[in-house]
Amino acid sequence: MADLIAVLIAALSQLLGAGGDAALLGERMTDLLLESRPVPMAGAQVMAEGVTAGGVELLAMEFTDLLLEPLEIDETAIEVHGISVSTSGVGLDGLRFTAKIGQDDLTEALHQHTQALSDAKLRITKQALELSGTYPLLGLRLPYRVAGTLSVQDDTQLVFNIDSSGMGAVRSPAALNRLIEREINPVYDLAEFAARSKEDIANAREQLDYEFKLEVATISLDEGHIIVAGKA
């Protein structure tokens, strides 16, 4: 995400000469993102509001198939508010994001996360996240099927909490549930992504005088995907 903001800074310093033409600025920034692709993505679109020679009230960016390893995010929306450009540098008031992550992409990230759940399958409905597969124990692979919800822990961690479980008509032992939760959690940690992007974030901080800190505010479930919203 810091890479995207770095591109934003470079673009604004060159493109604000377009004056108050928000549509033109959005088109030029869209072209720039698609040409430079600071992170892997399938598509991008940028829309601007409140454009003056001194800044932009809002930049709304939408991306498809944005890769933030190990997750590929189906749809990502980033809003950057209160951007100001002056001789002393570039500033902004805040940044918010929403990410839509599909169950297949979440399953793939889980397989990379832990060998113990290498055959795990995720199914996401509006009511619950369902996980099934086999767990290695004492030379055997014990079948399990659990359901639960995702919550936010320590601002950045997506944590799976088992609410119900069963193997056919038989409930799996609570001890097995705890083992599965220990293996899977955190499902994804934005802090690890930020650690991999430390240099990019430091560079963006120097240019913007803005402290980037990824925080998850809400997680919701929908058919086939989760929706994560937060700020940075």
C-alpha atoms as a PDB file:
ATOM      1  CA  MET A   1       0.000   0.000   0.000  1.00  0.00           C
ATOM      2  CA  ALA A   2       2.914   2.353   0.714  1.00  0.00           C
ATOM      3  CA  ASP A   3       4.121   1.756  -2.846  1.00  0.00           C
ATOM      4  CA  LEU A   4       0.758   2.950  -4.124  1.00  0.00           C
ATOM      5  CA  ILE A   5       0.975   6.095  -2.006  1.00  0.00           C
ATOM      6  CA  ALA A   6       4.510   6.758  -3.280  1.00  0.00           C
ATOM      7  CA  VAL A   7       3.170   6.651  -6.841  1.00  0.00           C
ATOM      8  CA  LEU A   8       0.356   8.956  -5.738  1.00  0.00           C
ATOM      9  CA  ILE A   9       2.872  11.517  -4.452  1.00  0.00           C
ATOM     10  CA  ALA A  10       4.896  11.479  -7.661  1.00  0.00           C
ATOM     11  CA  ALA A  11       1.744  11.764  -9.748  1.00  0.00           C
ATOM     12  CA  LEU A  12       0.278  14.682  -7.819  1.00  0.00           C
ATOM     13  CA  SER A  13       3.421  16.772  -8.014  1.00  0.00           C
ATOM     14  CA  GLN A  14       3.348  16.426 -11.798  1.00  0.00           C
ATOM     15  CA  LEU A  15      -0.370  16.387 -12.548  1.00  0.00           C
ATOM     16  CA  LEU A  16      -1.937  19.079 -10.372  1.00  0.00           C
ATOM     17  CA  GLY A  17      -1.131  21.538 -13.122  1.00  0.00           C
ATOM     18  CA  ALA A  18      -4.372  20.340 -14.665  1.00  0.00           C
ATOM     19  CA  GLY A  19      -6.066  22.724 -12.219  1.00  0.00           C
ATOM     20  CA  GLY A  20      -9.533  21.773 -11.082  1.00  0.00           C
ATOM     21  CA  ASP A  21     -10.220  19.129 -13.705  1.00  0.00           C
ATOM     22  CA  ALA A  22     -10.957  16.149 -11.461  1.00  0.00           C
ATOM     23  CA  ALA A  23     -11.879  13.822 -14.315  1.00  0.00           C
ATOM     24  CA  LEU A  24      -8.605  14.495 -16.135  1.00  0.00           C
ATOM     25  CA  LEU A  25      -6.543  13.983 -12.975  1.00  0.00           C
ATOM     26  CA  GLY A  26      -8.312  10.683 -12.307  1.00  0.00           C
ATOM     27  CA  GLU A  27      -7.687   9.466 -15.854  1.00  0.00           C
ATOM     28  CA  ARG A  28      -4.003  10.395 -15.760  1.00  0.00           C
ATOM     29  CA  MET A  29      -3.466   8.729 -12.383  1.00  0.00           C
ATOM     30  CA  THR A  30      -5.265   5.598 -13.575  1.00  0.00           C
ATOM     31  CA  ASP A  31      -2.950   5.420 -16.584  1.00  0.00           C
ATOM     32  CA  LEU A  32       0.091   5.955 -14.369  1.00  0.00           C
ATOM     33  CA  LEU A  33      -0.860   3.169 -11.951  1.00  0.00           C
ATOM     34  CA  LEU A  34      -1.518   0.722 -14.775  1.00  0.00           C
ATOM     35  CA  GLU A  35       1.791   1.603 -16.424  1.00  0.00           C
ATOM     36  CA  SER A  36       3.940   1.462 -13.285  1.00  0.00           C
ATOM     37  CA  ARG A  37       2.060  -1.290 -11.355  1.00  0.00           C
ATOM     38  CA  PRO A  38       3.892  -0.714  -8.032  1.00  0.00           C
ATOM     39  CA  VAL A  39       2.213  -3.914  -6.794  1.00  0.00           C
ATOM     40  CA  PRO A  40       0.747  -6.745  -8.891  1.00  0.00           C
ATOM     41  CA  MET A  41      -2.840  -6.006  -9.956  1.00  0.00           C
ATOM     42  CA  ALA A  42      -5.260  -6.811 -12.763  1.00  0.00           C
ATOM     43  CA  GLY A  43      -6.953  -3.423 -13.015  1.00  0.00           C
ATOM     44  CA  ALA A  44      -7.137   0.018 -11.433  1.00  0.00           C
ATOM     45  CA  GLN A  45      -9.314   3.111 -11.551  1.00  0.00           C
ATOM     46  CA  VAL A  46      -8.774   6.450  -9.831  1.00  0.00           C
ATOM     47  CA  MET A  47     -11.401   9.136  -9.229  1.00  0.00           C
ATOM     48  CA  ALA A  48     -10.679  12.583  -7.794  1.00  0.00           C
ATOM     49  CA  GLU A  49     -12.875  15.158  -6.057  1.00  0.00           C
ATOM     50  CA  GLY A  50     -12.174  18.731  -5.005  1.00  0.00           C
ATOM     51  CA  VAL A  51      -9.080  19.300  -7.132  1.00  0.00           C
ATOM     52  CA  THR A  52      -7.240  22.626  -6.837  1.00  0.00           C
ATOM     53  CA  ALA A  53      -3.700  23.747  -7.592  1.00  0.00           C
ATOM     54  CA  GLY A  54      -2.894  23.104  -3.926  1.00  0.00           C
ATOM     55  CA  GLY A  55      -4.314  19.638  -3.464  1.00  0.00           C
ATOM     56  CA  VAL A  56      -7.192  17.178  -3.667  1.00  0.00           C
ATOM     57  CA  GLU A  57     -10.042  16.651  -1.213  1.00  0.00           C
ATOM     58  CA  LEU A  58     -10.449  12.977  -2.079  1.00  0.00           C
ATOM     59  CA  LEU A  59      -8.718  10.369  -4.207  1.00  0.00           C
ATOM     60  CA  ALA A  60     -10.755   7.172  -4.514  1.00  0.00           C
ATOM     61  CA  MET A  61      -8.820   4.234  -5.951  1.00  0.00           C
ATOM     62  CA  GLU A  62     -10.309   0.869  -6.910  1.00  0.00           C
ATOM     63  CA  PHE A  63      -8.259  -2.217  -7.754  1.00  0.00           C
ATOM     64  CA  THR A  64      -9.037  -5.737  -8.951  1.00  0.00           C
ATOM     65  CA  ASP A  65      -6.932  -8.796  -8.126  1.00  0.00           C
ATOM     66  CA  LEU A  66      -4.464  -6.831  -6.013  1.00  0.00           C
ATOM     67  CA  LEU A  67      -1.688  -9.061  -4.621  1.00  0.00           C
ATOM     68  CA  LEU A  68      -0.583  -8.443  -1.032  1.00  0.00           C
ATOM     69  CA  GLU A  69       1.348 -11.665  -0.521  1.00  0.00           C
ATOM     70  CA  PRO A  70       0.242 -14.261   0.210  1.00  0.00           C
ATOM     71  CA  LEU A  71      -3.274 -12.938  -0.406  1.00  0.00           C
ATOM     72  CA  GLU A  72      -4.765 -11.943  -3.723  1.00  0.00           C
ATOM     73  CA  ILE A  73      -7.611  -9.519  -3.023  1.00  0.00           C
ATOM     74  CA  ASP A  74     -10.518  -9.626  -5.465  1.00  0.00           C
ATOM     75  CA  GLU A  75     -11.570  -6.015  -4.995  1.00  0.00           C
ATOM     76  CA  THR A  76      -9.827  -3.235  -3.079  1.00  0.00           C
ATOM     77  CA  ALA A  77     -11.005   0.329  -2.500  1.00  0.00           C
ATOM     78  CA  ILE A  78      -8.638   2.939  -1.019  1.00  0.00           C
ATOM     79  CA  GLU A  79      -9.750   6.474  -0.137  1.00  0.00           C
ATOM     80  CA  VAL A  80      -7.109   9.124   0.542  1.00  0.00           C
ATOM     81  CA  HIS A  81      -8.553  12.252   2.164  1.00  0.00           C
ATOM     82  CA  GLY A  82      -7.295  15.825   2.429  1.00  0.00           C
ATOM     83  CA  ILE A  83      -4.213  15.774   0.219  1.00  0.00           C
ATOM     84  CA  SER A  84      -2.267  19.038   0.184  1.00  0.00           C
ATOM     85  CA  VAL A  85       0.740  19.923  -1.953  1.00  0.00           C
ATOM     86  CA  SER A  86       3.028  22.874  -1.163  1.00  0.00           C
ATOM     87  CA  THR A  87       6.676  23.888  -1.383  1.00  0.00           C
ATOM     88  CA  SER A  88       7.245  22.197   1.998  1.00  0.00           C
ATOM     89  CA  GLY A  89       5.942  18.846   0.775  1.00  0.00           C
ATOM     90  CA  VAL A  90       2.815  16.727   0.532  1.00  0.00           C
ATOM     91  CA  GLY A  91       0.398  16.044   3.365  1.00  0.00           C
ATOM     92  CA  LEU A  92      -2.786  14.085   3.854  1.00  0.00           C
ATOM     93  CA  ASP A  93      -5.480  13.821   6.509  1.00  0.00           C
ATOM     94  CA  GLY A  94      -6.139  10.100   6.400  1.00  0.00           C
ATOM     95  CA  LEU A  95      -6.504   6.892   4.448  1.00  0.00           C
ATOM     96  CA  ARG A  96      -9.233   4.246   4.554  1.00  0.00           C
ATOM     97  CA  PHE A  97      -9.505   0.916   2.776  1.00  0.00           C
ATOM     98  CA  THR A  98     -11.980  -1.872   2.072  1.00  0.00           C
ATOM     99  CA  ALA A  99     -10.878  -5.273   0.764  1.00  0.00           C
ATOM    100  CA  LYS A 100     -13.035  -8.095  -0.604  1.00  0.00           C
ATOM    101  CA  ILE A 101     -11.253 -11.462  -0.311  1.00  0.00           C
ATOM    102  CA  GLY A 102     -12.608 -14.629  -1.928  1.00  0.00           C
ATOM    103  CA  GLN A 103     -12.765 -18.008  -0.196  1.00  0.00           C
ATOM    104  CA  ASP A 104     -10.463 -19.644  -2.781  1.00  0.00           C
ATOM    105  CA  ASP A 105      -7.762 -16.998  -2.263  1.00  0.00           C
ATOM    106  CA  LEU A 106      -8.133 -17.289   1.515  1.00  0.00           C
ATOM    107  CA  THR A 107      -7.825 -21.089   1.229  1.00  0.00           C
ATOM    108  CA  GLU A 108      -4.640 -20.771  -0.830  1.00  0.00           C
ATOM    109  CA  ALA A 109      -3.129 -18.384   1.722  1.00  0.00           C
ATOM    110  CA  LEU A 110      -4.056 -20.851   4.490  1.00  0.00           C
ATOM    111  CA  HIS A 111      -2.264 -23.703   2.690  1.00  0.00           C
ATOM    112  CA  GLN A 112       0.887 -21.559   2.549  1.00  0.00           C
ATOM    113  CA  HIS A 113       0.435 -20.617   6.204  1.00  0.00           C
ATOM    114  CA  THR A 114       0.467 -24.122   7.716  1.00  0.00           C
ATOM    115  CA  GLN A 115       1.363 -27.640   6.510  1.00  0.00           C
ATOM    116  CA  ALA A 116      -0.894 -29.256   9.110  1.00  0.00           C
ATOM    117  CA  LEU A 117      -3.973 -27.934   7.300  1.00  0.00           C
ATOM    118  CA  SER A 118      -2.665 -28.559   3.783  1.00  0.00           C
ATOM    119  CA  ASP A 119      -5.944 -30.184   2.658  1.00  0.00           C
ATOM    120  CA  ALA A 120      -8.207 -27.651   4.384  1.00  0.00           C
ATOM    121  CA  LYS A 121     -11.155 -26.246   2.475  1.00  0.00           C
ATOM    122  CA  LEU A 122     -12.890 -22.985   3.327  1.00  0.00           C
ATOM    123  CA  ARG A 123     -16.505 -22.143   2.608  1.00  0.00           C
ATOM    124  CA  ILE A 124     -17.827 -18.697   3.464  1.00  0.00           C
ATOM    125  CA  THR A 125     -21.503 -17.844   3.901  1.00  0.00           C
ATOM    126  CA  LYS A 126     -23.214 -14.788   5.357  1.00  0.00           C
ATOM    127  CA  GLN A 127     -23.581 -16.665   8.642  1.00  0.00           C
ATOM    128  CA  ALA A 128     -20.227 -18.390   9.153  1.00  0.00           C
ATOM    129  CA  LEU A 129     -16.831 -19.403   7.885  1.00  0.00           C
ATOM    130  CA  GLU A 130     -16.709 -23.199   7.514  1.00  0.00           C
ATOM    131  CA  LEU A 131     -13.443 -25.149   7.550  1.00  0.00           C
ATOM    132  CA  SER A 132     -13.078 -28.865   6.781  1.00  0.00           C
ATOM    133  CA  GLY A 133     -10.263 -31.307   6.168  1.00  0.00           C
ATOM    134  CA  THR A 134      -8.057 -33.692   8.134  1.00  0.00           C
ATOM    135  CA  TYR A 135      -5.659 -32.977  10.987  1.00  0.00           C
ATOM    136  CA  PRO A 136      -2.440 -35.006  11.546  1.00  0.00           C
ATOM    137  CA  LEU A 137      -2.313 -36.567  15.003  1.00  0.00           C
ATOM    138  CA  LEU A 138      -0.319 -39.633  16.194  1.00  0.00           C
ATOM    139  CA  GLY A 139       0.287 -40.819  12.636  1.00  0.00           C
ATOM    140  CA  LEU A 140      -3.376 -40.499  11.668  1.00  0.00           C
ATOM    141  CA  ARG A 141      -5.356 -37.848   9.775  1.00  0.00           C
ATOM    142  CA  LEU A 142      -8.420 -37.030  11.844  1.00  0.00           C
ATOM    143  CA  PRO A 143     -11.333 -35.611   9.834  1.00  0.00           C
ATOM    144  CA  TYR A 144     -12.871 -32.389  11.098  1.00  0.00           C
ATOM    145  CA  ARG A 145     -15.553 -29.916  10.073  1.00  0.00           C
ATOM    146  CA  VAL A 146     -15.804 -26.678  12.032  1.00  0.00           C
ATOM    147  CA  ALA A 147     -17.672 -23.414  11.686  1.00  0.00           C
ATOM    148  CA  GLY A 148     -16.994 -20.042  13.204  1.00  0.00           C
ATOM    149  CA  THR A 149     -16.462 -16.345  12.688  1.00  0.00           C
ATOM    150  CA  LEU A 150     -13.560 -13.985  12.129  1.00  0.00           C
ATOM    151  CA  SER A 151     -12.609 -11.281  14.594  1.00  0.00           C
ATOM    152  CA  VAL A 152      -9.911  -8.606  14.827  1.00  0.00           C
ATOM    153  CA  GLN A 153      -7.115  -8.955  17.359  1.00  0.00           C
ATOM    154  CA  ASP A 154      -4.373  -6.413  18.107  1.00  0.00           C
ATOM    155  CA  ASP A 155      -5.698  -4.134  15.324  1.00  0.00           C
ATOM    156  CA  THR A 156      -4.089  -6.145  12.478  1.00  0.00           C
ATOM    157  CA  GLN A 157      -4.759  -9.863  12.998  1.00  0.00           C
ATOM    158  CA  LEU A 158      -7.672 -11.751  11.443  1.00  0.00           C
ATOM    159  CA  VAL A 159      -8.528 -14.492  13.948  1.00  0.00           C
ATOM    160  CA  PHE A 160     -10.809 -17.512  13.392  1.00  0.00           C
ATOM    161  CA  ASN A 161     -13.018 -18.417  16.358  1.00  0.00           C
ATOM    162  CA  ILE A 162     -14.703 -21.856  16.259  1.00  0.00           C
ATOM    163  CA  ASP A 163     -18.371 -21.699  17.299  1.00  0.00           C
ATOM    164  CA  SER A 164     -19.493 -25.204  16.326  1.00  0.00           C
ATOM    165  CA  SER A 165     -17.855 -28.332  15.018  1.00  0.00           C
ATOM    166  CA  GLY A 166     -18.590 -31.873  13.974  1.00  0.00           C
ATOM    167  CA  MET A 167     -17.419 -34.935  12.070  1.00  0.00           C
ATOM    168  CA  GLY A 168     -20.591 -36.147  10.425  1.00  0.00           C
ATOM    169  CA  ALA A 169     -23.070 -36.487  13.272  1.00  0.00           C
ATOM    170  CA  VAL A 170     -20.308 -36.608  15.899  1.00  0.00           C
ATOM    171  CA  ARG A 171     -18.909 -33.464  17.449  1.00  0.00           C
ATOM    172  CA  SER A 172     -15.131 -33.188  17.332  1.00  0.00           C
ATOM    173  CA  PRO A 173     -13.319 -32.916  20.681  1.00  0.00           C
ATOM    174  CA  ALA A 174     -12.687 -29.468  22.111  1.00  0.00           C
ATOM    175  CA  ALA A 175      -8.967 -30.301  22.238  1.00  0.00           C
ATOM    176  CA  LEU A 176      -8.941 -30.826  18.445  1.00  0.00           C
ATOM    177  CA  ASN A 177     -10.746 -27.510  17.975  1.00  0.00           C
ATOM    178  CA  ARG A 178      -8.034 -25.771  19.979  1.00  0.00           C
ATOM    179  CA  LEU A 179      -5.321 -27.418  17.866  1.00  0.00           C
ATOM    180  CA  ILE A 180      -7.021 -26.247  14.676  1.00  0.00           C
ATOM    181  CA  GLU A 181      -7.387 -22.685  16.009  1.00  0.00           C
ATOM    182  CA  ARG A 182      -3.712 -22.706  17.025  1.00  0.00           C
ATOM    183  CA  GLU A 183      -2.668 -23.807  13.533  1.00  0.00           C
ATOM    184  CA  ILE A 184      -4.850 -21.401  11.582  1.00  0.00           C
ATOM    185  CA  ASN A 185      -4.467 -18.245  13.660  1.00  0.00           C
ATOM    186  CA  PRO A 186      -3.838 -15.592  12.808  1.00  0.00           C
ATOM    187  CA  VAL A 187      -5.463 -16.272   9.440  1.00  0.00           C
ATOM    188  CA  TYR A 188      -3.696 -13.164   8.141  1.00  0.00           C
ATOM    189  CA  ASP A 189      -1.705 -10.440   9.869  1.00  0.00           C
ATOM    190  CA  LEU A 190      -1.435  -7.011   8.264  1.00  0.00           C
ATOM    191  CA  ALA A 191       1.525  -6.289  10.537  1.00  0.00           C
ATOM    192  CA  GLU A 192       3.536  -8.945   8.663  1.00  0.00           C
ATOM    193  CA  PHE A 193       2.675  -7.257   5.371  1.00  0.00           C
ATOM    194  CA  ALA A 194       3.746  -3.917   6.870  1.00  0.00           C
ATOM    195  CA  ALA A 195       7.028  -5.473   8.053  1.00  0.00           C
ATOM    196  CA  ARG A 196       7.795  -6.665   4.518  1.00  0.00           C
ATOM    197  CA  SER A 197       7.032  -3.141   3.256  1.00  0.00           C
ATOM    198  CA  LYS A 198       9.039  -1.350   5.970  1.00  0.00           C
ATOM    199  CA  GLU A 199      11.384   0.411   3.552  1.00  0.00           C
ATOM    200  CA  ASP A 200       8.525   1.585   1.319  1.00  0.00           C
ATOM    201  CA  ILE A 201       6.578   2.830   4.351  1.00  0.00           C
ATOM    202  CA  ALA A 202       9.644   4.690   5.665  1.00  0.00           C
ATOM    203  CA  ASN A 203      10.153   6.372   2.286  1.00  0.00           C
ATOM    204  CA  ALA A 204       6.506   7.374   2.108  1.00  0.00           C
ATOM    205  CA  ARG A 205       6.654   8.710   5.687  1.00  0.00           C
ATOM    206  CA  GLU A 206       9.597  10.930   4.820  1.00  0.00           C
ATOM    207  CA  GLN A 207       7.829  12.369   1.785  1.00  0.00           C
ATOM    208  CA  LEU A 208       4.444  12.760   3.450  1.00  0.00           C
ATOM    209  CA  ASP A 209       5.220  13.343   7.121  1.00  0.00           C
ATOM    210  CA  TYR A 210       2.420  10.857   7.741  1.00  0.00           C
ATOM    211  CA  GLU A 211       2.577   7.804  10.000  1.00  0.00           C
ATOM    212  CA  PHE A 212       1.256   4.745   8.168  1.00  0.00           C
ATOM    213  CA  LYS A 213      -0.250   2.193  10.530  1.00  0.00           C
ATOM    214  CA  LEU A 214      -2.535  -0.470   9.110  1.00  0.00           C
ATOM    215  CA  GLU A 215      -5.544  -1.138  11.345  1.00  0.00           C
ATOM    216  CA  VAL A 216      -8.542  -3.392  10.731  1.00  0.00           C
ATOM    217  CA  ALA A 217     -11.813  -1.876  11.937  1.00  0.00           C
ATOM    218  CA  THR A 218     -14.412  -4.434  10.800  1.00  0.00           C
ATOM    219  CA  ILE A 219     -14.694  -7.880   9.210  1.00  0.00           C
ATOM    220  CA  SER A 220     -17.939  -9.070   7.659  1.00  0.00           C
ATOM    221  CA  LEU A 221     -18.941 -12.288   5.898  1.00  0.00           C
ATOM    222  CA  ASP A 222     -20.783 -12.599   2.603  1.00  0.00           C
ATOM    223  CA  GLU A 223     -21.416 -15.435   0.180  1.00  0.00           C
ATOM    224  CA  GLY A 224     -18.027 -16.700  -0.968  1.00  0.00           C
ATOM    225  CA  HIS A 225     -15.877 -13.922   0.490  1.00  0.00           C
ATOM    226  CA  ILE A 226     -15.008 -11.752   3.475  1.00  0.00           C
ATOM    227  CA  ILE A 227     -14.942  -7.952   3.557  1.00  0.00           C
ATOM    228  CA  VAL A 228     -12.200  -6.266   5.606  1.00  0.00           C
ATOM    229  CA  ALA A 229     -12.343  -2.523   6.295  1.00  0.00           C
ATOM    230  CA  GLY A 230      -9.920  -0.287   8.134  1.00  0.00           C
ATOM    231  CA  LYS A 231      -7.511   2.618   7.972  1.00  0.00           C
ATOM    232  CA  ALA A 232      -3.820   3.253   7.481  1.00  0.00           C
END
